[in-house]
Structure formats: structure tokens, C-alpha cells
C-alpha atoms as a PDB file:
ATOM      1  CA  MET A   1      56.396  30.497   1.830  1.00  0.00           C
ATOM      2  CA  LYS A   2      58.699  28.540  -0.496  1.00  0.00           C
ATOM      3  CA  VAL A   3      56.398  25.907  -2.865  1.00  0.00           C
ATOM      4  CA  VAL A   4      57.877  23.281  -5.015  1.00  0.00           C
ATOM      5  CA  ILE A   5      55.578  21.765  -7.324  1.00  0.00           C
ATOM      6  CA  LEU A   6      55.820  18.949  -9.883  1.00  0.00           C
ATOM      7  CA  GLY A   7      53.676  19.078 -12.829  1.00  0.00           C
ATOM      8  CA  CYS A   8      52.890  21.755 -15.141  1.00  0.00           C
ATOM      9  CA  GLY A   9      49.483  20.443 -16.188  1.00  0.00           C
ATOM     10  CA  ARG A  10      46.085  22.130 -15.392  1.00  0.00           C
ATOM     11  CA  VAL A  11      46.181  21.452 -11.720  1.00  0.00           C
ATOM     12  CA  GLY A  12      49.663  22.415 -11.101  1.00  0.00           C
ATOM     13  CA  ALA A  13      49.899  25.329 -13.027  1.00  0.00           C
ATOM     14  CA  ARG A  14      46.524  26.739 -11.608  1.00  0.00           C
ATOM     15  CA  LEU A  15      48.188  26.420  -8.294  1.00  0.00           C
ATOM     16  CA  ALA A  16      51.355  27.862  -9.062  1.00  0.00           C
ATOM     17  CA  ASN A  17      49.600  30.749 -10.807  1.00  0.00           C
ATOM     18  CA  ALA A  18      47.672  31.158  -7.908  1.00  0.00           C
ATOM     19  CA  LEU A  19      50.376  31.056  -5.258  1.00  0.00           C
ATOM     20  CA  ASP A  20      52.553  33.143  -7.127  1.00  0.00           C
ATOM     21  CA  SER A  21      49.875  35.970  -7.250  1.00  0.00           C
ATOM     22  CA  GLU A  22      49.644  35.713  -3.648  1.00  0.00           C
ATOM     23  CA  GLY A  23      53.401  36.419  -3.359  1.00  0.00           C
ATOM     24  CA  HIS A  24      54.632  33.053  -2.432  1.00  0.00           C
ATOM     25  CA  ARG A  25      57.703  31.858  -3.736  1.00  0.00           C
ATOM     26  CA  VAL A  26      57.080  29.267  -6.434  1.00  0.00           C
ATOM     27  CA  SER A  27      59.139  26.577  -8.233  1.00  0.00           C
ATOM     28  CA  ILE A  28      57.405  24.083 -10.890  1.00  0.00           C
ATOM     29  CA  ILE A  29      58.949  21.405 -12.686  1.00  0.00           C
ATOM     30  CA  ASP A  30      58.000  19.589 -15.382  1.00  0.00           C
ATOM     31  CA  ARG A  31      59.811  17.446 -18.319  1.00  0.00           C
ATOM     32  CA  ASN A  32      57.892  19.170 -20.804  1.00  0.00           C
ATOM     33  CA  SER A  33      59.080  22.898 -21.883  1.00  0.00           C
ATOM     34  CA  ASP A  34      55.893  23.729 -23.488  1.00  0.00           C
ATOM     35  CA  ALA A  35      53.560  23.053 -20.539  1.00  0.00           C
ATOM     36  CA  PHE A  36      55.368  26.411 -18.867  1.00  0.00           C
ATOM     37  CA  ARG A  37      54.125  28.308 -22.206  1.00  0.00           C
ATOM     38  CA  ARG A  38      50.897  26.495 -22.140  1.00  0.00           C
ATOM     39  CA  PHE A  39      49.370  26.887 -18.456  1.00  0.00           C
ATOM     40  CA  LEU A  40      51.584  29.502 -16.647  1.00  0.00           C
ATOM     41  CA  ARG A  41      49.779  32.894 -16.917  1.00  0.00           C
ATOM     42  CA  GLN A  42      52.113  35.639 -18.309  1.00  0.00           C
ATOM     43  CA  GLY A  43      54.236  37.409 -15.727  1.00  0.00           C
ATOM     44  CA  PHE A  44      54.627  34.576 -13.658  1.00  0.00           C
ATOM     45  CA  GLY A  45      57.466  35.400 -11.325  1.00  0.00           C
ATOM     46  CA  GLY A  46      58.200  31.876 -10.317  1.00  0.00           C
ATOM     47  CA  SER A  47      60.868  29.529 -11.427  1.00  0.00           C
ATOM     48  CA  ALA A  48      60.287  27.039 -14.333  1.00  0.00           C
ATOM     49  CA  ILE A  49      62.342  23.901 -14.020  1.00  0.00           C
ATOM     50  CA  VAL A  50      62.709  21.438 -17.154  1.00  0.00           C
ATOM     51  CA  GLY A  51      63.177  17.741 -15.519  1.00  0.00           C
ATOM     52  CA  ILE A  52      62.325  14.588 -14.239  1.00  0.00           C
ATOM     53  CA  GLY A  53      60.706  15.207 -10.553  1.00  0.00           C
ATOM     54  CA  ILE A  54      62.626  12.144  -8.965  1.00  0.00           C
ATOM     55  CA  ASP A  55      65.600  13.759  -9.994  1.00  0.00           C
ATOM     56  CA  GLU A  56      67.535  15.178  -6.808  1.00  0.00           C
ATOM     57  CA  ASP A  57      69.283  17.546  -9.019  1.00  0.00           C
ATOM     58  CA  VAL A  58      66.415  19.080 -10.756  1.00  0.00           C
ATOM     59  CA  LEU A  59      64.938  19.029  -7.179  1.00  0.00           C
ATOM     60  CA  ARG A  60      67.685  21.027  -6.138  1.00  0.00           C
ATOM     61  CA  ARG A  61      67.508  23.581  -9.214  1.00  0.00           C
ATOM     62  CA  ALA A  62      63.839  24.106  -7.990  1.00  0.00           C
ATOM     63  CA  GLU A  63      65.339  24.920  -4.393  1.00  0.00           C
ATOM     64  CA  ILE A  64      63.684  22.367  -2.625  1.00  0.00           C
ATOM     65  CA  GLU A  65      65.931  22.361   0.226  1.00  0.00           C
ATOM     66  CA  ASP A  66      64.261  25.660   1.327  1.00  0.00           C
ATOM     67  CA  ALA A  67      61.134  24.430   0.324  1.00  0.00           C
ATOM     68  CA  ASP A  68      58.231  24.611   2.988  1.00  0.00           C
ATOM     69  CA  VAL A  69      55.631  22.685   0.766  1.00  0.00           C
ATOM     70  CA  PHE A  70      56.244  19.799  -1.896  1.00  0.00           C
ATOM     71  CA  VAL A  71      53.355  19.323  -4.169  1.00  0.00           C
ATOM     72  CA  ALA A  72      53.353  16.372  -6.703  1.00  0.00           C
ATOM     73  CA  ALA A  73      50.424  17.252  -9.114  1.00  0.00           C
ATOM     74  CA  THR A  74      51.610  14.752 -12.306  1.00  0.00           C
ATOM     75  CA  ASN A  75      49.163  12.676 -13.949  1.00  0.00           C
ATOM     76  CA  LEU A  76      51.396   9.502 -12.842  1.00  0.00           C
ATOM     77  CA  ASP A  77      50.386   8.176  -9.751  1.00  0.00           C
ATOM     78  CA  ASN A  78      53.915   6.374  -8.825  1.00  0.00           C
ATOM     79  CA  VAL A  79      55.761   9.471  -9.829  1.00  0.00           C
ATOM     80  CA  ASN A  80      53.881  11.474  -7.405  1.00  0.00           C
ATOM     81  CA  ALA A  81      54.626   9.117  -4.617  1.00  0.00           C
ATOM     82  CA  MET A  82      58.070   8.145  -5.609  1.00  0.00           C
ATOM     83  CA  ALA A  83      58.903  12.104  -5.715  1.00  0.00           C
ATOM     84  CA  SER A  84      57.067  13.161  -2.514  1.00  0.00           C
ATOM     85  CA  GLN A  85      58.861  10.216  -0.738  1.00  0.00           C
ATOM     86  CA  ILE A  86      62.126  12.011  -1.899  1.00  0.00           C
ATOM     87  CA  ALA A  87      60.927  15.331  -0.884  1.00  0.00           C
ATOM     88  CA  GLN A  88      59.956  14.370   2.290  1.00  0.00           C
ATOM     89  CA  THR A  89      62.626  11.488   3.309  1.00  0.00           C
ATOM     90  CA  VAL A  90      65.542  13.045   1.584  1.00  0.00           C
ATOM     91  CA  PHE A  91      65.283  16.894   1.649  1.00  0.00           C
ATOM     92  CA  GLY A  92      63.272  16.797   4.786  1.00  0.00           C
ATOM     93  CA  VAL A  93      60.257  19.286   3.219  1.00  0.00           C
ATOM     94  CA  PRO A  94      57.500  19.772   6.359  1.00  0.00           C
ATOM     95  CA  LYS A  95      54.593  19.835   3.997  1.00  0.00           C
ATOM     96  CA  VAL A  96      54.354  17.331   1.383  1.00  0.00           C
ATOM     97  CA  ILE A  97      51.135  16.607  -0.619  1.00  0.00           C
ATOM     98  CA  ALA A  98      50.836  13.914  -3.643  1.00  0.00           C
ATOM     99  CA  ARG A  99      47.605  13.665  -6.210  1.00  0.00           C
ATOM    100  CA  MET A 100      46.937  10.292  -6.301  1.00  0.00           C
ATOM    101  CA  TYR A 101      44.284   9.103  -9.093  1.00  0.00           C
ATOM    102  CA  ASP A 102      44.000   5.569  -7.972  1.00  0.00           C
ATOM    103  CA  PRO A 103      41.821   5.307  -4.600  1.00  0.00           C
ATOM    104  CA  ILE A 104      43.850   1.904  -3.652  1.00  0.00           C
ATOM    105  CA  ARG A 105      47.051   3.821  -4.318  1.00  0.00           C
ATOM    106  CA  GLU A 106      45.871   6.638  -2.203  1.00  0.00           C
ATOM    107  CA  GLU A 107      45.325   4.243   0.782  1.00  0.00           C
ATOM    108  CA  VAL A 108      48.732   2.488   0.531  1.00  0.00           C
ATOM    109  CA  TYR A 109      50.527   5.549   0.138  1.00  0.00           C
ATOM    110  CA  GLN A 110      48.518   7.161   3.125  1.00  0.00           C
ATOM    111  CA  THR A 111      50.392   4.036   5.210  1.00  0.00           C
ATOM    112  CA  LEU A 112      53.483   5.231   4.016  1.00  0.00           C
ATOM    113  CA  GLY A 113      52.815   8.716   5.640  1.00  0.00           C
ATOM    114  CA  LEU A 114      51.760  10.608   2.522  1.00  0.00           C
ATOM    115  CA  THR A 115      49.029  13.140   2.563  1.00  0.00           C
ATOM    116  CA  THR A 116      47.633  12.706  -0.345  1.00  0.00           C
ATOM    117  CA  VAL A 117      44.445  13.966  -2.728  1.00  0.00           C
ATOM    118  CA  CYS A 118      42.520  11.650  -4.433  1.00  0.00           C
ATOM    119  CA  PRO A 119      40.356  13.665  -7.544  1.00  0.00           C
ATOM    120  CA  THR A 120      38.414  10.510  -8.082  1.00  0.00           C
ATOM    121  CA  ILE A 121      37.326  10.218  -4.618  1.00  0.00           C
ATOM    122  CA  VAL A 122      36.831  14.330  -4.273  1.00  0.00           C
ATOM    123  CA  GLY A 123      34.929  14.214  -7.465  1.00  0.00           C
ATOM    124  CA  ALA A 124      32.678  11.090  -6.685  1.00  0.00           C
ATOM    125  CA  GLU A 125      31.988  12.647  -3.120  1.00  0.00           C
ATOM    126  CA  THR A 126      31.158  16.081  -4.317  1.00  0.00           C
ATOM    127  CA  ILE A 127      28.789  15.014  -7.310  1.00  0.00           C
ATOM    128  CA  ARG A 128      27.315  12.537  -4.367  1.00  0.00           C
ATOM    129  CA  GLN A 129      26.659  15.444  -2.403  1.00  0.00           C
ATOM    130  CA  MET A 130      25.095  17.596  -5.012  1.00  0.00           C
ATOM    131  CA  LEU A 131      22.398  14.612  -5.821  1.00  0.00           C
ATOM    132  CA  SER A 132      21.634  14.359  -2.268  1.00  0.00           C
ATOM    133  CA  SER A 133      21.080  17.822  -2.004  1.00  0.00           C
ATOM    134  CA  HIS A 134      19.116  18.037  -5.357  1.00  0.00           C
ATOM    135  CA  TRP A 135      17.024  14.546  -3.685  1.00  0.00           C
ATOM    136  CA  ARG A 136      16.416  16.430  -0.247  1.00  0.00           C
ATOM    137  CA  ALA A 137      15.150  19.587  -2.384  1.00  0.00           C
ATOM    138  CA  ASP A 138      12.823  17.447  -4.328  1.00  0.00           C
ATOM    139  CA  VAL A 139      11.364  15.767  -1.012  1.00  0.00           C
ATOM    140  CA  THR A 140      11.255  19.210   0.584  1.00  0.00           C
ATOM    141  CA  ALA A 141       8.911  20.742  -2.113  1.00  0.00           C
ATOM    142  CA  GLN A 142       6.726  17.856  -2.372  1.00  0.00           C
ATOM    143  CA  ILE A 143       6.226  17.918   1.437  1.00  0.00           C
ATOM    144  CA  VAL A 144       5.632  21.826   0.954  1.00  0.00           C
ATOM    145  CA  GLY A 145       3.759  21.102  -1.937  1.00  0.00           C
ATOM    146  CA  THR A 146       1.038  18.337  -0.141  1.00  0.00           C
END
């Protein structure tokens, strides 16, 4: 599978490293070349492209025209949305995923047909479930103990 990732921060790099280790063809784009040295593992076999992820020439250098998947994982919602729309509409990438921090923006971009992941929602829901299971364990212990 050919994957193009925008954003070589902790999330983008972790995904790139994992997919590369699994044998996928990975290109990762970031405007800061230091990010590649900081976050990509030694021996990373993919391509690291310095540039802006909404620039069509940069996306072409990342071989987006052959991509099965595009993931926008920068820390900027608007950049992620714009790059994802370019990947989807200009280049016809079959699977496009955008990280959105703002839950309201996530809803808006979903109505535009983007697949999104919102760490704010995912994190809050995970914590709520952890608390919920803790409360159930406490109630169970009290019932069993009486």
C-alpha cells in the first residue's frame, strides 16, 4: 500500500514508522526538515519530503498520484482540511483521513465528505469510559462486599 502522510510530528511519524516497518511504501511531508531527524526511526525506508502539504508540486514529489491513502496529521486543522480536500478532489486518493482538533470543525469537514479523527473527542471518550469502568468496579465491589 502506498501512503502519503502530511505532518512529521509525533502522530505522523509514529504512523509512518509503523507502516514502513510493515512493508508499506510511505512518503511523509513536513515543512521542517528537523522533524524527520527527531521523529523518524533510524533505517526509515520511506521518503521524507520538505515542503508545504497544500502545494501540489510537493504532493507530487511525495507520489500522491500513486497513493492508496493520504493522512493529514499536522497540528493545524485548516491545513489538514485543505490538504485532504486536495488529495481527495485533485488527485483522487481513494482513502483520505484528516486529524481535526476542534470538534466543531470536525463536524463541518465531515459534511464535506472528509473522514476525520478528532483526538479531543477520542481522548475525552476514552477517559469517560475509563471512569465509567472504574465506577462500575466500585459499585460491584460494594454490592459483593455487602
